[in-house]
Protein backbone atom coordinates (compact mmCIF):
# COMPACT_ATOMS: atom_id res chain seq x y z
CA MET A 1 -62.37 34.79 -72.73
CA LYS A 2 -59.46 33.75 -70.55
CA TYR A 3 -55.92 33.48 -71.92
CA MET A 4 -52.77 32.20 -70.25
CA LEU A 5 -49.50 33.94 -70.98
CA LEU A 6 -46.52 31.65 -70.35
CA LEU A 7 -43.31 33.58 -69.82
CA PHE A 8 -40.07 32.03 -71.08
CA ASP A 9 -36.66 33.58 -70.50
CA GLU A 10 -33.11 32.62 -69.57
CA ARG A 11 -33.31 34.50 -66.28
CA THR A 12 -35.66 34.11 -63.34
CA ALA A 13 -37.48 36.65 -61.17
CA SER A 14 -34.64 36.58 -58.64
CA ASP A 15 -32.24 37.76 -61.39
CA LEU A 16 -34.17 40.98 -62.08
CA THR A 17 -32.68 44.37 -61.36
CA PRO A 18 -34.86 46.89 -59.50
CA ALA A 19 -35.55 48.65 -62.82
CA GLU A 20 -36.67 45.37 -64.41
CA GLY A 21 -38.89 44.63 -61.42
CA ALA A 22 -40.46 48.07 -61.86
CA ALA A 23 -41.07 47.28 -65.55
CA TRP A 24 -43.04 44.18 -64.51
CA LEU A 25 -45.13 46.23 -62.07
CA ALA A 26 -45.84 48.74 -64.83
CA PHE A 27 -46.79 45.89 -67.17
CA ARG A 28 -49.31 44.54 -64.65
CA GLU A 29 -50.82 47.96 -64.09
CA GLY A 30 -51.09 48.60 -67.84
CA ALA A 31 -52.54 45.18 -68.59
CA GLY A 32 -55.10 45.74 -65.83
CA LYS A 33 -56.53 48.62 -67.90
CA ASP A 34 -57.22 46.29 -70.84
CA ALA A 35 -58.12 42.99 -69.15
CA ILE A 36 -58.87 41.45 -65.78
CA GLU A 37 -55.89 39.67 -64.23
CA ILE A 38 -57.11 36.32 -62.89
CA ALA A 39 -53.72 35.04 -61.71
CA GLY A 40 -50.02 35.68 -62.12
CA GLN A 41 -46.92 34.32 -60.41
CA ALA A 42 -43.21 33.95 -60.95
CA LEU A 43 -41.83 30.43 -60.67
CA GLU A 44 -38.72 29.14 -58.96
CA PRO A 45 -35.84 28.24 -61.35
CA ALA A 46 -36.29 25.18 -63.58
CA LEU A 47 -33.46 23.42 -61.75
CA THR A 48 -35.78 23.11 -58.73
CA ALA A 49 -38.39 21.23 -60.78
CA THR A 50 -39.26 17.57 -60.43
CA VAL A 51 -40.87 15.74 -63.34
CA VAL A 52 -43.43 13.04 -62.48
CA THR A 53 -44.38 10.18 -64.81
CA VAL A 54 -46.32 7.00 -64.16
CA ARG A 55 -45.34 3.81 -65.99
CA ASP A 56 -46.82 0.38 -65.28
CA GLY A 57 -48.60 1.85 -62.27
CA LYS A 58 -45.38 3.10 -60.69
CA ARG A 59 -44.56 6.75 -60.05
CA LEU A 60 -41.17 7.82 -61.39
CA THR A 61 -39.56 11.16 -60.60
CA THR A 62 -36.69 12.96 -62.27
CA ASP A 63 -35.03 16.00 -60.74
CA GLY A 64 -34.58 19.12 -62.80
CA PRO A 65 -36.26 20.34 -65.94
CA PHE A 66 -37.50 17.84 -68.49
CA VAL A 67 -36.21 19.75 -71.51
CA GLU A 68 -32.64 21.00 -71.76
CA THR A 69 -32.87 24.58 -73.02
CA LYS A 70 -31.47 27.99 -72.13
CA GLU A 71 -34.96 29.44 -71.70
CA GLN A 72 -37.20 28.23 -68.94
CA LEU A 73 -40.81 28.75 -67.94
CA GLY A 74 -40.38 31.57 -65.47
CA GLY A 75 -43.95 32.50 -64.70
CA PHE A 76 -47.45 32.97 -65.99
CA PHE A 77 -50.46 35.24 -66.08
CA VAL A 78 -54.10 34.47 -66.75
CA PHE A 79 -56.10 37.39 -68.12
CA ASP A 80 -59.78 37.64 -68.97
CA CYS A 81 -59.60 39.54 -72.28
CA ASP A 82 -62.00 40.72 -74.96
CA GLY A 83 -60.42 38.27 -77.41
CA PHE A 84 -57.28 36.72 -78.84
CA ASP A 85 -56.01 39.97 -80.36
CA ALA A 86 -56.30 41.70 -76.98
CA ALA A 87 -54.33 38.84 -75.37
CA LEU A 88 -51.63 39.19 -78.04
CA ASP A 89 -51.43 42.93 -77.42
CA ILE A 90 -50.92 42.33 -73.70
CA ALA A 91 -48.31 39.61 -74.37
CA ALA A 92 -46.37 41.98 -76.63
CA ARG A 93 -46.08 44.46 -73.74
CA ALA A 94 -44.67 41.86 -71.30
CA PRO A 95 -41.00 42.51 -70.47
CA ALA A 96 -40.24 38.84 -71.20
CA ALA A 97 -41.15 39.43 -74.85
CA LEU A 98 -38.06 41.65 -75.13
CA THR A 99 -35.54 39.03 -73.97
CA GLY A 100 -37.35 35.68 -74.26
CA HIS A 101 -40.81 34.87 -75.50
CA VAL A 102 -44.41 34.78 -74.34
CA GLU A 103 -46.68 31.91 -75.33
CA VAL A 104 -50.40 32.75 -75.44
CA ARG A 105 -53.03 30.03 -75.03
CA ALA A 106 -56.77 30.17 -74.60
CA VAL A 107 -57.92 28.58 -71.37
CA HIS A 108 -60.18 25.59 -71.97
CA GLU A 109 -63.13 26.09 -69.68
CA VAL A 110 -65.47 23.22 -68.86
CA ASP A 111 -69.11 24.10 -68.15
């Protein structure tokens, strides 16, 4: 089953020290022993986001993040795991779990 890990933290990938970057590489290598990584990317800072809504058939855009919070969605991974507990184990090893939080969601797959 596929699970998405959403990484929330106050800092972004560009804020990482070399040691923190190495910790992320080690995380990916370790997770790859327990699951298949389908995708994973860091995101640009939330301040670069644009929110799109459609009201009365008109597209409206708002610059910046939709929610005001110290933490921001900084990246994601999708892993094909043996189950929810395996996904939780991988999430607990993510460096973001030490300073922010990691949200785990099953991927809804349509046949």
